[in-house]
Amino acid sequence: MPTMPISFERAFSIHDDAMILRARRSSILASNIANTDTPDYKARDIDFRSVLRSVEKPTVGDKLRLAATHRSHLSARGFGNDATLQYRNPLHASLDGNTVDSHVEQARFSENAIQYQTSYTFLNGRIQGVINALKGD
């Protein structure tokens, strides 16, 4: 019986990259929430879709970058670093220059946490599938 190689990239799809990016975004959103009352603090966020799309479909310029050979090299692919951070446009003007709207930040933090959990659940199911396939179940 011929054996078929396991492609972890196909098995996990984009969800492993999504989890790393969502963890980074959680940190950014938590920083925004923590600085709700800090004068002149500017709320920041990641454009999750565009960053993940650039990882999923590299452009010609991306081909010139170094290949990631280890998990800690992921920032070399461009997501999670300061270049991908964007300033958030405030909904309400603040006298002290702070652009954090705590309700917006808390809602986005909660949404991001749910999406992180969804990717985790998906990956866990895929890993269990791979384990079952290796066991022959």
N, C-alpha and C. Protein backbone atom coordinates (compact mmCIF):
# COMPACT_ATOMS: atom_id res chain seq x y z
N MET A 1 0.85 -1.17 0.00
CA MET A 1 0.00 0.00 0.00
C MET A 1 0.90 1.24 0.00
N PRO A 2 0.74 2.12 -1.00
CA PRO A 2 1.60 3.32 -1.06
C PRO A 2 1.26 4.28 0.06
N THR A 3 2.29 4.92 0.58
CA THR A 3 2.08 5.92 1.63
C THR A 3 1.98 7.30 1.02
N MET A 4 1.19 8.12 1.65
CA MET A 4 1.00 9.49 1.20
C MET A 4 1.63 10.43 2.21
N PRO A 5 2.48 11.34 1.76
CA PRO A 5 3.10 12.26 2.73
C PRO A 5 2.05 13.20 3.33
N ILE A 6 2.28 13.55 4.57
CA ILE A 6 1.37 14.47 5.27
C ILE A 6 1.85 15.89 5.02
N SER A 7 0.96 16.71 4.53
CA SER A 7 1.28 18.13 4.32
C SER A 7 0.66 18.92 5.47
N PHE A 8 1.49 19.31 6.43
CA PHE A 8 0.98 20.07 7.56
C PHE A 8 0.46 21.43 7.11
N GLU A 9 1.07 21.99 6.07
CA GLU A 9 0.60 23.27 5.56
C GLU A 9 -0.83 23.14 5.04
N ARG A 10 -1.13 22.06 4.32
CA ARG A 10 -2.49 21.84 3.83
C ARG A 10 -3.43 21.47 4.97
N ALA A 11 -2.93 20.69 5.92
CA ALA A 11 -3.78 20.24 7.03
C ALA A 11 -4.19 21.39 7.93
N PHE A 12 -3.28 22.33 8.16
CA PHE A 12 -3.57 23.42 9.10
C PHE A 12 -4.07 24.67 8.41
N SER A 13 -3.94 24.72 7.09
CA SER A 13 -4.42 25.85 6.33
C SER A 13 -3.74 27.12 6.84
N ILE A 14 -4.48 28.18 6.94
CA ILE A 14 -3.94 29.47 7.37
C ILE A 14 -4.16 29.70 8.87
N HIS A 15 -4.80 28.75 9.55
CA HIS A 15 -5.20 28.95 10.93
C HIS A 15 -4.02 29.09 11.90
N ASP A 16 -2.89 28.46 11.63
CA ASP A 16 -1.75 28.64 12.53
C ASP A 16 -1.22 30.06 12.46
N ASP A 17 -1.14 30.62 11.25
CA ASP A 17 -0.73 32.02 11.10
C ASP A 17 -1.77 32.95 11.72
N ALA A 18 -3.04 32.61 11.55
CA ALA A 18 -4.11 33.44 12.10
C ALA A 18 -4.03 33.50 13.62
N MET A 19 -3.72 32.38 14.25
CA MET A 19 -3.61 32.37 15.71
C MET A 19 -2.47 33.25 16.19
N ILE A 20 -1.35 33.19 15.51
CA ILE A 20 -0.20 34.02 15.89
C ILE A 20 -0.55 35.50 15.73
N LEU A 21 -1.20 35.82 14.62
CA LEU A 21 -1.59 37.21 14.38
C LEU A 21 -2.66 37.67 15.37
N ARG A 22 -3.61 36.81 15.70
CA ARG A 22 -4.64 37.17 16.68
C ARG A 22 -4.05 37.37 18.07
N ALA A 23 -3.05 36.56 18.43
CA ALA A 23 -2.38 36.75 19.73
C ALA A 23 -1.69 38.11 19.76
N ARG A 24 -1.04 38.48 18.67
CA ARG A 24 -0.38 39.79 18.58
C ARG A 24 -1.41 40.91 18.68
N ARG A 25 -2.55 40.72 17.99
CA ARG A 25 -3.60 41.74 18.02
C ARG A 25 -4.19 41.87 19.42
N SER A 26 -4.33 40.77 20.14
CA SER A 26 -4.82 40.83 21.53
C SER A 26 -3.94 41.71 22.38
N SER A 27 -2.64 41.58 22.20
CA SER A 27 -1.69 42.39 22.95
C SER A 27 -1.85 43.88 22.63
N ILE A 28 -2.05 44.18 21.36
CA ILE A 28 -2.21 45.57 20.94
C ILE A 28 -3.50 46.16 21.49
N LEU A 29 -4.60 45.39 21.39
CA LEU A 29 -5.88 45.87 21.90
C LEU A 29 -5.86 46.02 23.41
N ALA A 30 -5.19 45.09 24.11
CA ALA A 30 -5.06 45.20 25.57
C ALA A 30 -4.27 46.45 25.94
N SER A 31 -3.26 46.77 25.16
CA SER A 31 -2.49 47.99 25.40
C SER A 31 -3.37 49.23 25.22
N ASN A 32 -4.22 49.21 24.21
CA ASN A 32 -5.15 50.32 24.02
C ASN A 32 -6.07 50.47 25.23
N ILE A 33 -6.63 49.36 25.69
CA ILE A 33 -7.54 49.39 26.84
C ILE A 33 -6.83 49.90 28.09
N ALA A 34 -5.60 49.44 28.29
CA ALA A 34 -4.83 49.84 29.47
C ALA A 34 -4.50 51.34 29.46
N ASN A 35 -4.47 51.93 28.27
CA ASN A 35 -4.12 53.34 28.15
C ASN A 35 -5.32 54.24 27.86
N THR A 36 -6.48 53.81 28.27
CA THR A 36 -7.71 54.57 28.04
C THR A 36 -7.61 55.99 28.60
N ASP A 37 -6.96 56.17 29.73
CA ASP A 37 -6.88 57.48 30.38
C ASP A 37 -5.51 58.15 30.23
N THR A 38 -4.67 57.65 29.36
CA THR A 38 -3.34 58.23 29.17
C THR A 38 -3.42 59.37 28.16
N PRO A 39 -3.07 60.60 28.59
CA PRO A 39 -3.12 61.73 27.66
C PRO A 39 -2.23 61.50 26.43
N ASP A 40 -2.72 61.89 25.28
CA ASP A 40 -2.02 61.82 23.99
C ASP A 40 -1.73 60.39 23.51
N TYR A 41 -2.32 59.38 24.18
CA TYR A 41 -2.12 58.00 23.70
C TYR A 41 -2.97 57.80 22.44
N LYS A 42 -2.38 57.21 21.43
CA LYS A 42 -3.06 56.96 20.16
C LYS A 42 -3.36 55.47 20.04
N ALA A 43 -4.65 55.14 19.92
CA ALA A 43 -5.06 53.74 19.77
C ALA A 43 -4.54 53.19 18.45
N ARG A 44 -4.07 51.93 18.51
CA ARG A 44 -3.52 51.28 17.31
C ARG A 44 -4.19 49.94 17.12
N ASP A 45 -4.09 49.43 15.92
CA ASP A 45 -4.66 48.12 15.60
C ASP A 45 -3.97 47.59 14.35
N ILE A 46 -4.26 46.33 14.08
CA ILE A 46 -3.75 45.66 12.88
C ILE A 46 -4.91 45.47 11.93
N ASP A 47 -4.68 45.72 10.64
CA ASP A 47 -5.69 45.38 9.64
C ASP A 47 -5.54 43.89 9.38
N PHE A 48 -6.25 43.10 10.17
CA PHE A 48 -6.09 41.65 10.21
C PHE A 48 -6.24 41.02 8.83
N ARG A 49 -7.27 41.39 8.11
CA ARG A 49 -7.53 40.77 6.80
C ARG A 49 -6.39 41.01 5.82
N SER A 50 -5.92 42.24 5.72
CA SER A 50 -4.87 42.53 4.74
C SER A 50 -3.55 41.87 5.12
N VAL A 51 -3.24 41.83 6.41
CA VAL A 51 -1.99 41.18 6.84
C VAL A 51 -2.06 39.68 6.58
N LEU A 52 -3.17 39.06 6.91
CA LEU A 52 -3.31 37.62 6.69
C LEU A 52 -3.35 37.31 5.20
N ARG A 53 -3.97 38.17 4.41
CA ARG A 53 -3.99 37.99 2.96
C ARG A 53 -2.58 38.05 2.39
N SER A 54 -1.74 38.93 2.91
CA SER A 54 -0.37 39.04 2.41
C SER A 54 0.44 37.80 2.76
N VAL A 55 0.11 37.14 3.86
CA VAL A 55 0.77 35.90 4.24
C VAL A 55 0.26 34.75 3.37
N GLU A 56 -1.03 34.76 3.10
CA GLU A 56 -1.66 33.70 2.32
C GLU A 56 -1.25 33.76 0.86
N LYS A 57 -1.20 34.96 0.29
CA LYS A 57 -0.86 35.14 -1.12
C LYS A 57 0.30 36.13 -1.22
N PRO A 58 1.54 35.64 -1.13
CA PRO A 58 2.67 36.56 -1.17
C PRO A 58 2.76 37.29 -2.51
N THR A 59 3.17 38.54 -2.44
CA THR A 59 3.36 39.32 -3.66
C THR A 59 4.78 39.11 -4.17
N VAL A 60 5.08 39.71 -5.32
CA VAL A 60 6.41 39.56 -5.90
C VAL A 60 7.48 40.03 -4.93
N GLY A 61 7.24 41.14 -4.23
CA GLY A 61 8.21 41.65 -3.27
C GLY A 61 8.45 40.70 -2.12
N ASP A 62 7.40 39.94 -1.73
CA ASP A 62 7.54 38.99 -0.64
C ASP A 62 8.47 37.84 -0.99
N LYS A 63 8.57 37.51 -2.27
CA LYS A 63 9.43 36.41 -2.69
C LYS A 63 10.91 36.72 -2.47
N LEU A 64 11.22 38.00 -2.35
CA LEU A 64 12.60 38.40 -2.16
C LEU A 64 13.04 38.35 -0.70
N ARG A 65 12.08 38.12 0.20
CA ARG A 65 12.40 38.07 1.63
C ARG A 65 13.00 36.72 1.99
N LEU A 66 13.66 36.70 3.12
CA LEU A 66 14.23 35.45 3.60
C LEU A 66 13.13 34.47 3.97
N ALA A 67 13.39 33.21 3.75
CA ALA A 67 12.42 32.18 4.09
C ALA A 67 12.42 31.96 5.60
N ALA A 68 11.25 31.73 6.17
CA ALA A 68 11.14 31.44 7.59
C ALA A 68 11.43 29.96 7.79
N THR A 69 12.45 29.66 8.57
CA THR A 69 12.82 28.27 8.82
C THR A 69 12.53 27.84 10.25
N HIS A 70 12.04 28.77 11.04
CA HIS A 70 11.75 28.49 12.44
C HIS A 70 10.58 29.36 12.86
N ARG A 71 9.77 28.89 13.81
CA ARG A 71 8.58 29.63 14.25
C ARG A 71 8.91 31.06 14.70
N SER A 72 10.06 31.26 15.29
CA SER A 72 10.40 32.59 15.77
C SER A 72 10.74 33.55 14.63
N HIS A 73 10.84 33.05 13.42
CA HIS A 73 11.14 33.89 12.27
C HIS A 73 9.91 34.51 11.63
N LEU A 74 8.73 34.25 12.17
CA LEU A 74 7.51 34.71 11.53
C LEU A 74 7.44 36.22 11.35
N SER A 75 8.03 36.99 12.24
CA SER A 75 7.98 38.44 12.06
C SER A 75 8.70 38.88 10.80
N ALA A 76 9.59 38.06 10.28
CA ALA A 76 10.28 38.39 9.04
C ALA A 76 9.32 38.40 7.86
N ARG A 77 8.18 37.72 7.97
CA ARG A 77 7.20 37.71 6.90
C ARG A 77 6.36 38.96 6.93
N GLY A 78 6.50 39.77 7.94
CA GLY A 78 5.88 41.07 7.92
C GLY A 78 4.68 41.29 8.81
N PHE A 79 4.14 40.25 9.47
CA PHE A 79 3.00 40.56 10.31
C PHE A 79 3.40 40.56 11.77
N GLY A 80 2.70 41.41 12.49
CA GLY A 80 2.95 41.53 13.91
C GLY A 80 4.02 42.55 14.25
N ASN A 81 4.66 43.12 13.26
CA ASN A 81 5.68 44.12 13.58
C ASN A 81 5.07 45.52 13.49
N ASP A 82 5.83 46.52 13.85
CA ASP A 82 5.31 47.89 13.89
C ASP A 82 4.86 48.41 12.53
N ALA A 83 5.40 47.85 11.44
CA ALA A 83 5.02 48.31 10.11
C ALA A 83 3.56 48.01 9.80
N THR A 84 2.98 46.99 10.43
CA THR A 84 1.59 46.63 10.14
C THR A 84 0.61 47.34 11.07
N LEU A 85 1.11 48.03 12.07
CA LEU A 85 0.23 48.74 13.00
C LEU A 85 -0.31 50.02 12.36
N GLN A 86 -1.58 50.26 12.60
CA GLN A 86 -2.20 51.46 12.09
C GLN A 86 -2.85 52.21 13.25
N TYR A 87 -2.95 53.52 13.12
CA TYR A 87 -3.63 54.31 14.13
C TYR A 87 -5.13 54.24 13.88
N ARG A 88 -5.90 54.16 14.95
CA ARG A 88 -7.35 54.11 14.84
C ARG A 88 -7.90 55.53 14.82
N ASN A 89 -8.87 55.76 13.94
CA ASN A 89 -9.55 57.05 13.90
C ASN A 89 -10.56 57.08 15.04
N PRO A 90 -10.48 58.09 15.90
CA PRO A 90 -11.40 58.14 17.04
C PRO A 90 -12.82 58.48 16.60
N LEU A 91 -13.79 57.91 17.32
CA LEU A 91 -15.20 58.22 17.05
C LEU A 91 -15.60 59.55 17.68
N HIS A 92 -14.94 59.87 18.81
CA HIS A 92 -15.24 61.10 19.54
C HIS A 92 -13.94 61.84 19.84
N ALA A 93 -13.97 63.15 19.70
CA ALA A 93 -12.80 63.95 20.01
C ALA A 93 -12.55 63.96 21.51
N SER A 94 -11.27 63.98 21.88
CA SER A 94 -10.89 64.00 23.28
C SER A 94 -10.04 65.23 23.53
N LEU A 95 -10.30 65.90 24.65
CA LEU A 95 -9.54 67.11 24.96
C LEU A 95 -8.07 66.82 25.25
N ASP A 96 -7.78 65.63 25.79
CA ASP A 96 -6.39 65.33 26.14
C ASP A 96 -5.62 64.64 25.02
N GLY A 97 -6.21 64.49 23.83
CA GLY A 97 -5.51 63.91 22.70
C GLY A 97 -5.53 62.39 22.65
N ASN A 98 -6.19 61.75 23.61
CA ASN A 98 -6.29 60.29 23.64
C ASN A 98 -7.33 59.84 22.62
N THR A 99 -7.02 58.83 21.80
CA THR A 99 -7.95 58.36 20.77
C THR A 99 -8.58 57.01 21.11
N VAL A 100 -8.44 56.56 22.35
CA VAL A 100 -9.00 55.27 22.76
C VAL A 100 -10.46 55.43 23.15
N ASP A 101 -11.33 54.64 22.52
CA ASP A 101 -12.73 54.54 22.94
C ASP A 101 -12.84 53.17 23.59
N SER A 102 -12.95 53.14 24.91
CA SER A 102 -12.86 51.88 25.65
C SER A 102 -13.92 50.87 25.23
N HIS A 103 -15.10 51.33 24.88
CA HIS A 103 -16.17 50.40 24.47
C HIS A 103 -15.80 49.73 23.14
N VAL A 104 -15.28 50.51 22.22
CA VAL A 104 -14.86 49.95 20.93
C VAL A 104 -13.72 48.96 21.13
N GLU A 105 -12.75 49.34 21.93
CA GLU A 105 -11.60 48.47 22.16
C GLU A 105 -12.00 47.16 22.84
N GLN A 106 -12.89 47.25 23.83
CA GLN A 106 -13.34 46.04 24.53
C GLN A 106 -14.12 45.13 23.59
N ALA A 107 -14.94 45.71 22.72
CA ALA A 107 -15.70 44.91 21.75
C ALA A 107 -14.76 44.22 20.77
N ARG A 108 -13.77 44.93 20.29
CA ARG A 108 -12.81 44.34 19.34
C ARG A 108 -11.94 43.29 20.03
N PHE A 109 -11.60 43.52 21.28
CA PHE A 109 -10.82 42.53 22.03
C PHE A 109 -11.63 41.25 22.19
N SER A 110 -12.90 41.38 22.55
CA SER A 110 -13.77 40.21 22.72
C SER A 110 -13.95 39.46 21.41
N GLU A 111 -14.18 40.20 20.33
CA GLU A 111 -14.34 39.59 19.01
C GLU A 111 -13.07 38.84 18.61
N ASN A 112 -11.93 39.45 18.85
CA ASN A 112 -10.65 38.83 18.53
C ASN A 112 -10.44 37.55 19.35
N ALA A 113 -10.83 37.58 20.63
CA ALA A 113 -10.69 36.40 21.48
C ALA A 113 -11.56 35.25 20.99
N ILE A 114 -12.76 35.56 20.54
CA ILE A 114 -13.66 34.52 20.00
C ILE A 114 -13.07 33.94 18.72
N GLN A 115 -12.54 34.77 17.87
CA GLN A 115 -11.96 34.29 16.62
C GLN A 115 -10.69 33.48 16.88
N TYR A 116 -9.93 33.85 17.89
CA TYR A 116 -8.76 33.07 18.28
C TYR A 116 -9.20 31.68 18.73
N GLN A 117 -10.23 31.63 19.56
CA GLN A 117 -10.76 30.35 20.05
C GLN A 117 -11.27 29.50 18.90
N THR A 118 -11.89 30.12 17.91
CA THR A 118 -12.39 29.39 16.74
C THR A 118 -11.24 28.75 15.98
N SER A 119 -10.17 29.50 15.75
CA SER A 119 -9.00 28.93 15.06
C SER A 119 -8.37 27.82 15.89
N TYR A 120 -8.32 28.01 17.20
CA TYR A 120 -7.78 26.97 18.09
C TYR A 120 -8.59 25.68 17.98
N THR A 121 -9.90 25.81 18.01
CA THR A 121 -10.78 24.64 17.92
C THR A 121 -10.61 23.95 16.57
N PHE A 122 -10.52 24.73 15.51
CA PHE A 122 -10.31 24.17 14.18
C PHE A 122 -8.98 23.41 14.11
N LEU A 123 -7.92 24.05 14.58
CA LEU A 123 -6.60 23.40 14.55
C LEU A 123 -6.57 22.15 15.41
N ASN A 124 -7.20 22.19 16.58
CA ASN A 124 -7.24 21.04 17.45
C ASN A 124 -7.93 19.86 16.75
N GLY A 125 -9.02 20.14 16.04
CA GLY A 125 -9.71 19.10 15.28
C GLY A 125 -8.84 18.52 14.18
N ARG A 126 -8.09 19.39 13.49
CA ARG A 126 -7.20 18.94 12.43
C ARG A 126 -6.07 18.08 13.00
N ILE A 127 -5.51 18.50 14.14
CA ILE A 127 -4.43 17.73 14.76
C ILE A 127 -4.94 16.36 15.18
N GLN A 128 -6.13 16.32 15.75
CA GLN A 128 -6.72 15.03 16.13
C GLN A 128 -6.92 14.15 14.90
N GLY A 129 -7.32 14.75 13.79
CA GLY A 129 -7.48 14.00 12.54
C GLY A 129 -6.17 13.42 12.05
N VAL A 130 -5.10 14.21 12.14
CA VAL A 130 -3.77 13.73 11.72
C VAL A 130 -3.31 12.60 12.65
N ILE A 131 -3.52 12.77 13.95
CA ILE A 131 -3.14 11.72 14.91
C ILE A 131 -3.92 10.43 14.62
N ASN A 132 -5.21 10.55 14.37
CA ASN A 132 -6.02 9.37 14.05
C ASN A 132 -5.56 8.72 12.76
N ALA A 133 -5.17 9.52 11.77
CA ALA A 133 -4.69 8.96 10.51
C ALA A 133 -3.36 8.23 10.72
N LEU A 134 -2.49 8.79 11.56
CA LEU A 134 -1.20 8.14 11.84
C LEU A 134 -1.40 6.83 12.60
N LYS A 135 -2.38 6.81 13.49
CA LYS A 135 -2.66 5.61 14.25
C LYS A 135 -3.37 4.56 13.38
N GLY A 136 -3.98 5.00 12.29
CA GLY A 136 -4.74 4.08 11.45
C GLY A 136 -6.16 3.90 11.90
N ASP A 137 -6.68 4.84 12.70
CA ASP A 137 -8.07 4.76 13.18
C ASP A 137 -9.05 5.15 12.11
